[in-house]
């Protein structure tokens, strides 16, 4: 790896027989040892071009490995209680951005867990409605509105059918004359 000195540095050769002073911005030749202190005063250069390697900048993107311990088990357990994804994110401290970034890959463990959690959540809410049907003070309208909003239920299905046709009037006129 090549380095550029950010200030004047006196470095010893690998064999220890030679000491050389490298001036500021001078490229440090191979065969010289950099101490930990010296490494703070150099820049890594890109291959043989002599240019400073660009730092990617910013914080590295978060991945599934950055989720809290036992995240999968926690998501499943919270879903079994009927919690929405918003509540689950709040419980686990997962941001909206990270949640949807991890969902982008439909084949990863996170996506598979979330799909399972959505089914468990809807199952919990359906069970609550089924059990509460026998209760005198059950507010079925409130329960139904919750299900519509939470799970995309609809009162009716609407089919939007658009047909596109083109008619050649000249051909139509000619065919009518032939009859």
C-alpha atoms as a PDB file:
ATOM      1  CA  UNK A   1       0.000   0.000   0.000  1.00  0.00           C
ATOM      2  CA  UNK A   2       1.258   3.478  -0.797  1.00  0.00           C
ATOM      3  CA  UNK A   3       0.994   6.529   1.456  1.00  0.00           C
ATOM      4  CA  UNK A   4       1.405  10.290   1.155  1.00  0.00           C
ATOM      5  CA  UNK A   5       2.929  12.190   4.113  1.00  0.00           C
ATOM      6  CA  UNK A   6       0.665  14.867   5.605  1.00  0.00           C
ATOM      7  CA  UNK A   7       3.634  16.387   7.444  1.00  0.00           C
ATOM      8  CA  UNK A   8       7.386  15.821   7.560  1.00  0.00           C
ATOM      9  CA  UNK A   9       8.101  12.283   8.819  1.00  0.00           C
ATOM     10  CA  UNK A  10      11.378  10.491   9.629  1.00  0.00           C
ATOM     11  CA  UNK A  11      10.849   6.781   8.942  1.00  0.00           C
ATOM     12  CA  UNK A  12      13.088   3.768   9.406  1.00  0.00           C
ATOM     13  CA  UNK A  13      13.459   1.096   6.762  1.00  0.00           C
ATOM     14  CA  UNK A  14      12.045  -2.375   7.362  1.00  0.00           C
ATOM     15  CA  UNK A  15      15.528  -3.772   8.054  1.00  0.00           C
ATOM     16  CA  UNK A  16      16.263  -0.849  10.409  1.00  0.00           C
ATOM     17  CA  UNK A  17      19.516   0.124   8.626  1.00  0.00           C
ATOM     18  CA  UNK A  18      18.263   3.287   7.000  1.00  0.00           C
ATOM     19  CA  UNK A  19      16.299   6.374   8.092  1.00  0.00           C
ATOM     20  CA  UNK A  20      14.742   8.720   5.571  1.00  0.00           C
ATOM     21  CA  UNK A  21      12.886  12.012   5.995  1.00  0.00           C
ATOM     22  CA  UNK A  22       9.754  12.337   3.868  1.00  0.00           C
ATOM     23  CA  UNK A  23       8.518  15.886   3.341  1.00  0.00           C
ATOM     24  CA  UNK A  24       4.879  16.948   3.403  1.00  0.00           C
ATOM     25  CA  UNK A  25       2.925  15.569   0.368  1.00  0.00           C
ATOM     26  CA  UNK A  26       5.813  13.304  -0.583  1.00  0.00           C
ATOM     27  CA  UNK A  27       4.906   9.707  -1.475  1.00  0.00           C
ATOM     28  CA  UNK A  28       6.385   7.271   1.032  1.00  0.00           C
ATOM     29  CA  UNK A  29       8.381   4.547  -0.676  1.00  0.00           C
ATOM     30  CA  UNK A  30       7.753   0.899   0.076  1.00  0.00           C
ATOM     31  CA  UNK A  31      10.093  -0.675   2.583  1.00  0.00           C
ATOM     32  CA  UNK A  32       9.581   1.872   5.378  1.00  0.00           C
ATOM     33  CA  UNK A  33       7.814   1.129   8.635  1.00  0.00           C
ATOM     34  CA  UNK A  34       4.899   3.275   9.858  1.00  0.00           C
ATOM     35  CA  UNK A  35       4.244   3.378  13.591  1.00  0.00           C
ATOM     36  CA  UNK A  36       0.689   3.872  14.888  1.00  0.00           C
ATOM     37  CA  UNK A  37       1.510   7.557  15.440  1.00  0.00           C
ATOM     38  CA  UNK A  38       2.917   7.863  11.898  1.00  0.00           C
ATOM     39  CA  UNK A  39      -0.286   6.334  10.432  1.00  0.00           C
ATOM     40  CA  UNK A  40      -2.214   9.344  11.745  1.00  0.00           C
ATOM     41  CA  UNK A  41      -0.049  11.610   9.591  1.00  0.00           C
ATOM     42  CA  UNK A  42      -0.367   9.867   6.230  1.00  0.00           C
ATOM     43  CA  UNK A  43      -3.046   9.331   3.584  1.00  0.00           C
ATOM     44  CA  UNK A  44      -3.597   6.030   1.824  1.00  0.00           C
ATOM     45  CA  UNK A  45      -3.055   6.325  -1.916  1.00  0.00           C
ATOM     46  CA  UNK A  46      -5.039   4.570  -4.604  1.00  0.00           C
ATOM     47  CA  UNK A  47      -2.956   1.828  -6.249  1.00  0.00           C
ATOM     48  CA  UNK A  48      -0.230   3.247  -8.476  1.00  0.00           C
ATOM     49  CA  UNK A  49      -1.969   6.473  -9.406  1.00  0.00           C
ATOM     50  CA  UNK A  50      -0.617   8.459  -6.471  1.00  0.00           C
ATOM     51  CA  UNK A  51      -4.106   9.840  -5.779  1.00  0.00           C
ATOM     52  CA  UNK A  52      -5.700   9.893  -2.356  1.00  0.00           C
ATOM     53  CA  UNK A  53      -8.234   7.104  -1.908  1.00  0.00           C
ATOM     54  CA  UNK A  54     -11.697   8.535  -1.427  1.00  0.00           C
ATOM     55  CA  UNK A  55     -13.445   7.719   1.802  1.00  0.00           C
ATOM     56  CA  UNK A  56     -16.977   6.498   1.104  1.00  0.00           C
ATOM     57  CA  UNK A  57     -18.231   9.075   3.583  1.00  0.00           C
ATOM     58  CA  UNK A  58     -20.945   8.805   6.157  1.00  0.00           C
ATOM     59  CA  UNK A  59     -21.912   5.929   8.310  1.00  0.00           C
ATOM     60  CA  UNK A  60     -22.004   2.446   6.764  1.00  0.00           C
ATOM     61  CA  UNK A  61     -25.574   1.346   5.957  1.00  0.00           C
ATOM     62  CA  UNK A  62     -27.309  -0.739   8.594  1.00  0.00           C
ATOM     63  CA  UNK A  63     -28.046  -4.372   7.877  1.00  0.00           C
ATOM     64  CA  UNK A  64     -29.989  -7.219   9.435  1.00  0.00           C
ATOM     65  CA  UNK A  65     -26.961  -7.762  11.717  1.00  0.00           C
ATOM     66  CA  UNK A  66     -27.605  -4.368  13.351  1.00  0.00           C
ATOM     67  CA  UNK A  67     -31.058  -5.412  14.620  1.00  0.00           C
ATOM     68  CA  UNK A  68     -31.468  -6.065  18.352  1.00  0.00           C
ATOM     69  CA  UNK A  69     -30.726  -9.541  19.692  1.00  0.00           C
ATOM     70  CA  UNK A  70     -33.649 -11.977  19.321  1.00  0.00           C
ATOM     71  CA  UNK A  71     -35.353  -9.584  16.874  1.00  0.00           C
ATOM     72  CA  UNK A  72     -37.050 -12.429  14.993  1.00  0.00           C
ATOM     73  CA  UNK A  73     -38.563 -13.966  18.132  1.00  0.00           C
ATOM     74  CA  UNK A  74     -39.618 -10.527  19.418  1.00  0.00           C
ATOM     75  CA  UNK A  75     -41.374  -9.613  16.155  1.00  0.00           C
ATOM     76  CA  UNK A  76     -43.286 -12.911  16.130  1.00  0.00           C
ATOM     77  CA  UNK A  77     -44.311 -12.578  19.797  1.00  0.00           C
ATOM     78  CA  UNK A  78     -45.453  -8.964  19.402  1.00  0.00           C
ATOM     79  CA  UNK A  79     -47.451  -9.899  16.295  1.00  0.00           C
ATOM     80  CA  UNK A  80     -49.165 -12.679  18.214  1.00  0.00           C
ATOM     81  CA  UNK A  81     -50.511  -9.881  20.449  1.00  0.00           C
ATOM     82  CA  UNK A  82     -51.933  -8.068  17.398  1.00  0.00           C
ATOM     83  CA  UNK A  83     -49.344  -5.279  17.312  1.00  0.00           C
ATOM     84  CA  UNK A  84     -48.972  -3.315  14.100  1.00  0.00           C
ATOM     85  CA  UNK A  85     -45.639  -2.810  12.362  1.00  0.00           C
ATOM     86  CA  UNK A  86     -45.542   0.728  13.835  1.00  0.00           C
ATOM     87  CA  UNK A  87     -45.824  -0.640  17.368  1.00  0.00           C
ATOM     88  CA  UNK A  88     -43.263  -3.342  16.669  1.00  0.00           C
ATOM     89  CA  UNK A  89     -40.791  -0.806  15.244  1.00  0.00           C
ATOM     90  CA  UNK A  90     -41.248   1.351  18.343  1.00  0.00           C
ATOM     91  CA  UNK A  91     -40.756  -1.622  20.686  1.00  0.00           C
ATOM     92  CA  UNK A  92     -37.566  -2.729  18.924  1.00  0.00           C
ATOM     93  CA  UNK A  93     -36.212   0.751  18.138  1.00  0.00           C
ATOM     94  CA  UNK A  94     -36.113   0.128  14.382  1.00  0.00           C
ATOM     95  CA  UNK A  95     -36.483   3.161  12.135  1.00  0.00           C
ATOM     96  CA  UNK A  96     -39.018   3.380   9.314  1.00  0.00           C
ATOM     97  CA  UNK A  97     -36.164   3.677   6.796  1.00  0.00           C
ATOM     98  CA  UNK A  98     -34.299   0.597   8.042  1.00  0.00           C
ATOM     99  CA  UNK A  99     -37.538  -1.440   8.238  1.00  0.00           C
ATOM    100  CA  UNK A 100     -38.393  -0.842   4.573  1.00  0.00           C
ATOM    101  CA  UNK A 101     -34.784  -1.145   3.424  1.00  0.00           C
ATOM    102  CA  UNK A 102     -34.631  -4.616   4.950  1.00  0.00           C
ATOM    103  CA  UNK A 103     -37.979  -5.525   3.336  1.00  0.00           C
ATOM    104  CA  UNK A 104     -36.668  -4.721  -0.171  1.00  0.00           C
ATOM    105  CA  UNK A 105     -35.151  -8.174  -0.534  1.00  0.00           C
ATOM    106  CA  UNK A 106     -38.152 -10.504  -0.377  1.00  0.00           C
ATOM    107  CA  UNK A 107     -36.018 -13.598   0.124  1.00  0.00           C
ATOM    108  CA  UNK A 108     -34.150 -12.534   3.253  1.00  0.00           C
ATOM    109  CA  UNK A 109     -34.964 -13.697   6.769  1.00  0.00           C
ATOM    110  CA  UNK A 110     -36.362 -10.289   7.737  1.00  0.00           C
ATOM    111  CA  UNK A 111     -38.952 -10.247   4.921  1.00  0.00           C
ATOM    112  CA  UNK A 112     -40.006 -13.810   5.628  1.00  0.00           C
ATOM    113  CA  UNK A 113     -40.397 -13.010   9.336  1.00  0.00           C
ATOM    114  CA  UNK A 114     -42.478  -9.888   8.609  1.00  0.00           C
ATOM    115  CA  UNK A 115     -44.833 -11.791   6.276  1.00  0.00           C
ATOM    116  CA  UNK A 116     -45.354 -14.401   8.969  1.00  0.00           C
ATOM    117  CA  UNK A 117     -45.876 -11.640  11.554  1.00  0.00           C
ATOM    118  CA  UNK A 118     -48.528  -9.953   9.378  1.00  0.00           C
ATOM    119  CA  UNK A 119     -50.493 -13.204   9.210  1.00  0.00           C
ATOM    120  CA  UNK A 120     -50.209 -13.692  12.970  1.00  0.00           C
ATOM    121  CA  UNK A 121     -51.347 -10.123  13.615  1.00  0.00           C
ATOM    122  CA  UNK A 122     -54.388 -10.439  11.360  1.00  0.00           C
ATOM    123  CA  UNK A 123     -55.196 -13.797  12.947  1.00  0.00           C
ATOM    124  CA  UNK A 124     -55.136 -12.206  16.409  1.00  0.00           C
ATOM    125  CA  UNK A 125     -57.522  -9.428  15.337  1.00  0.00           C
ATOM    126  CA  UNK A 126     -59.886 -11.874  13.632  1.00  0.00           C
ATOM    127  CA  UNK A 127     -59.950 -14.005  16.762  1.00  0.00           C
ATOM    128  CA  UNK A 128     -60.772 -10.944  18.881  1.00  0.00           C
ATOM    129  CA  UNK A 129     -63.749 -10.199  16.621  1.00  0.00           C
ATOM    130  CA  UNK A 130     -64.939 -13.809  16.668  1.00  0.00           C
ATOM    131  CA  UNK A 131     -64.722 -14.061  20.454  1.00  0.00           C
ATOM    132  CA  UNK A 132     -66.344 -10.658  21.016  1.00  0.00           C
ATOM    133  CA  UNK A 133     -69.365 -11.433  18.796  1.00  0.00           C
ATOM    134  CA  UNK A 134     -71.063 -12.995  21.802  1.00  0.00           C
ATOM    135  CA  UNK A 135     -70.504  -9.881  23.944  1.00  0.00           C
ATOM    136  CA  UNK A 136     -73.439  -7.506  24.304  1.00  0.00           C
ATOM    137  CA  UNK A 137     -71.315  -4.347  24.193  1.00  0.00           C
ATOM    138  CA  UNK A 138     -69.104  -5.429  21.243  1.00  0.00           C
ATOM    139  CA  UNK A 139     -68.651  -2.522  18.847  1.00  0.00           C
ATOM    140  CA  UNK A 140     -68.642  -4.420  15.557  1.00  0.00           C
ATOM    141  CA  UNK A 141     -68.426  -1.209  13.523  1.00  0.00           C
ATOM    142  CA  UNK A 142     -65.252  -0.142  15.299  1.00  0.00           C
ATOM    143  CA  UNK A 143     -63.765  -3.623  14.882  1.00  0.00           C
ATOM    144  CA  UNK A 144     -64.707  -3.691  11.182  1.00  0.00           C
ATOM    145  CA  UNK A 145     -63.248  -0.219  10.536  1.00  0.00           C
ATOM    146  CA  UNK A 146     -60.042  -1.331  12.243  1.00  0.00           C
ATOM    147  CA  UNK A 147     -59.857  -4.390   9.983  1.00  0.00           C
ATOM    148  CA  UNK A 148     -60.503  -2.291   6.862  1.00  0.00           C
ATOM    149  CA  UNK A 149     -57.796   0.203   7.757  1.00  0.00           C
ATOM    150  CA  UNK A 150     -55.281  -2.258   9.130  1.00  0.00           C
ATOM    151  CA  UNK A 151     -55.606  -5.056   6.573  1.00  0.00           C
ATOM    152  CA  UNK A 152     -57.075  -3.379   3.478  1.00  0.00           C
ATOM    153  CA  UNK A 153     -60.547  -4.914   3.732  1.00  0.00           C
ATOM    154  CA  UNK A 154     -63.124  -3.400   1.342  1.00  0.00           C
ATOM    155  CA  UNK A 155     -66.916  -3.186   1.362  1.00  0.00           C
ATOM    156  CA  UNK A 156     -67.162  -4.113  -2.297  1.00  0.00           C
ATOM    157  CA  UNK A 157     -64.813  -4.881  -5.081  1.00  0.00           C
ATOM    158  CA  UNK A 158     -64.709  -2.437  -7.919  1.00  0.00           C
ATOM    159  CA  UNK A 159     -63.666  -3.567 -11.357  1.00  0.00           C
ATOM    160  CA  UNK A 160     -62.458  -0.844 -13.645  1.00  0.00           C
ATOM    161  CA  UNK A 161     -62.695  -2.099 -17.193  1.00  0.00           C
ATOM    162  CA  UNK A 162     -61.452   0.156 -19.959  1.00  0.00           C
ATOM    163  CA  UNK A 163     -61.722  -1.064 -23.517  1.00  0.00           C
ATOM    164  CA  UNK A 164     -59.916   0.519 -26.380  1.00  0.00           C
ATOM    165  CA  UNK A 165     -61.111  -0.053 -29.919  1.00  0.00           C
ATOM    166  CA  UNK A 166     -60.377   1.518 -33.238  1.00  0.00           C
ATOM    167  CA  UNK A 167     -62.814   1.509 -36.143  1.00  0.00           C
ATOM    168  CA  UNK A 168     -61.869   2.233 -39.677  1.00  0.00           C
ATOM    169  CA  UNK A 169     -64.935   4.105 -40.978  1.00  0.00           C
ATOM    170  CA  UNK A 170     -63.958   3.749 -44.627  1.00  0.00           C
ATOM    171  CA  UNK A 171     -63.860  -0.062 -44.367  1.00  0.00           C
ATOM    172  CA  UNK A 172     -67.107  -0.053 -42.407  1.00  0.00           C
ATOM    173  CA  UNK A 173     -68.775   2.138 -45.044  1.00  0.00           C
ATOM    174  CA  UNK A 174     -67.490  -0.083 -47.895  1.00  0.00           C
ATOM    175  CA  UNK A 175     -68.794  -3.226 -46.198  1.00  0.00           C
ATOM    176  CA  UNK A 176     -72.237  -1.674 -45.710  1.00  0.00           C
ATOM    177  CA  UNK A 177     -72.437  -0.800 -49.451  1.00  0.00           C
ATOM    178  CA  UNK A 178     -71.633  -4.383 -50.442  1.00  0.00           C
ATOM    179  CA  UNK A 179     -74.691  -5.723 -48.621  1.00  0.00           C
END
